[in-house]
Amino acid sequence: MDIILKQMGQLWTPRYPYCSGQPRYILSENVERVLLGELSAADGMKKAQEEGTKWLADQQ
């Protein structure tokens, strides 16, 4: 029985964090702000990258 239980732990893959809606929201929010002229394209993508990186760090 121990052999089966030990193998069960290997059947699961690590959780993929980007299946959450939050990374998509971060990107779409910043793209929208770029399209509205509130941010430059470079600033919007830099801000999205920073927010996404922070969100991912909080998940681990």
Protein backbone atom coordinates (compact mmCIF):
# COMPACT_ATOMS: atom_id res chain seq x y z
CA MET A 1 0.00 0.00 0.00
CA ASP A 2 2.89 2.41 0.71
CA ILE A 3 4.15 1.98 -2.85
CA ILE A 4 0.80 3.03 -4.26
CA LEU A 5 0.51 6.04 -1.96
CA LYS A 6 4.02 7.22 -2.81
CA GLN A 7 3.29 6.96 -6.53
CA MET A 8 0.09 8.97 -6.15
CA GLY A 9 2.16 12.02 -5.22
CA GLN A 10 3.89 11.88 -8.58
CA LEU A 11 0.67 11.90 -10.59
CA TRP A 12 -0.03 15.52 -9.80
CA THR A 13 1.71 18.33 -11.60
CA PRO A 14 2.51 21.65 -9.96
CA ARG A 15 -0.27 24.22 -10.11
CA TYR A 16 -0.05 26.46 -13.16
CA PRO A 17 -0.53 30.00 -11.77
CA TYR A 18 -1.56 31.65 -15.02
CA CYS A 19 -4.83 29.71 -15.21
CA SER A 20 -6.12 32.37 -12.81
CA GLY A 21 -7.96 35.38 -14.17
CA GLN A 22 -5.77 37.89 -12.36
CA PRO A 23 -2.81 37.90 -14.82
CA ARG A 24 -5.23 38.45 -17.71
CA TYR A 25 -6.90 41.27 -15.78
CA ILE A 26 -3.57 42.95 -15.07
CA LEU A 27 -2.61 42.88 -18.73
CA SER A 28 -6.01 43.93 -20.08
CA GLU A 29 -6.29 46.78 -17.58
CA ASN A 30 -2.96 48.21 -18.66
CA VAL A 31 -3.68 47.72 -22.37
CA GLU A 32 -6.94 49.60 -21.87
CA ARG A 33 -5.14 52.45 -20.14
CA VAL A 34 -2.68 52.62 -23.07
CA LEU A 35 -5.55 52.72 -25.57
CA LEU A 36 -7.26 55.48 -23.60
CA GLY A 37 -4.04 57.50 -23.68
CA GLU A 38 -3.52 57.41 -19.92
CA LEU A 39 -0.15 55.63 -20.29
CA SER A 40 2.41 55.27 -23.03
CA ALA A 41 2.77 51.78 -24.49
CA ALA A 42 6.16 51.27 -22.84
CA ASP A 43 4.90 52.46 -19.45
CA GLY A 44 1.78 50.32 -19.68
CA MET A 45 3.67 47.14 -20.48
CA LYS A 46 6.30 47.88 -17.83
CA LYS A 47 3.55 48.41 -15.23
CA ALA A 48 1.79 45.20 -16.32
CA GLN A 49 5.06 43.26 -16.03
CA GLU A 50 5.74 44.64 -12.55
CA GLU A 51 2.22 43.90 -11.32
CA GLY A 52 2.28 40.42 -12.86
CA THR A 53 5.64 39.63 -11.31
CA LYS A 54 4.44 40.83 -7.91
CA TRP A 55 1.23 38.76 -8.20
CA LEU A 56 3.20 35.65 -9.17
CA ALA A 57 5.60 36.12 -6.24
CA ASP A 58 2.62 36.35 -3.88
CA GLN A 59 1.30 33.02 -5.21
CA GLN A 60 4.45 31.06 -4.32
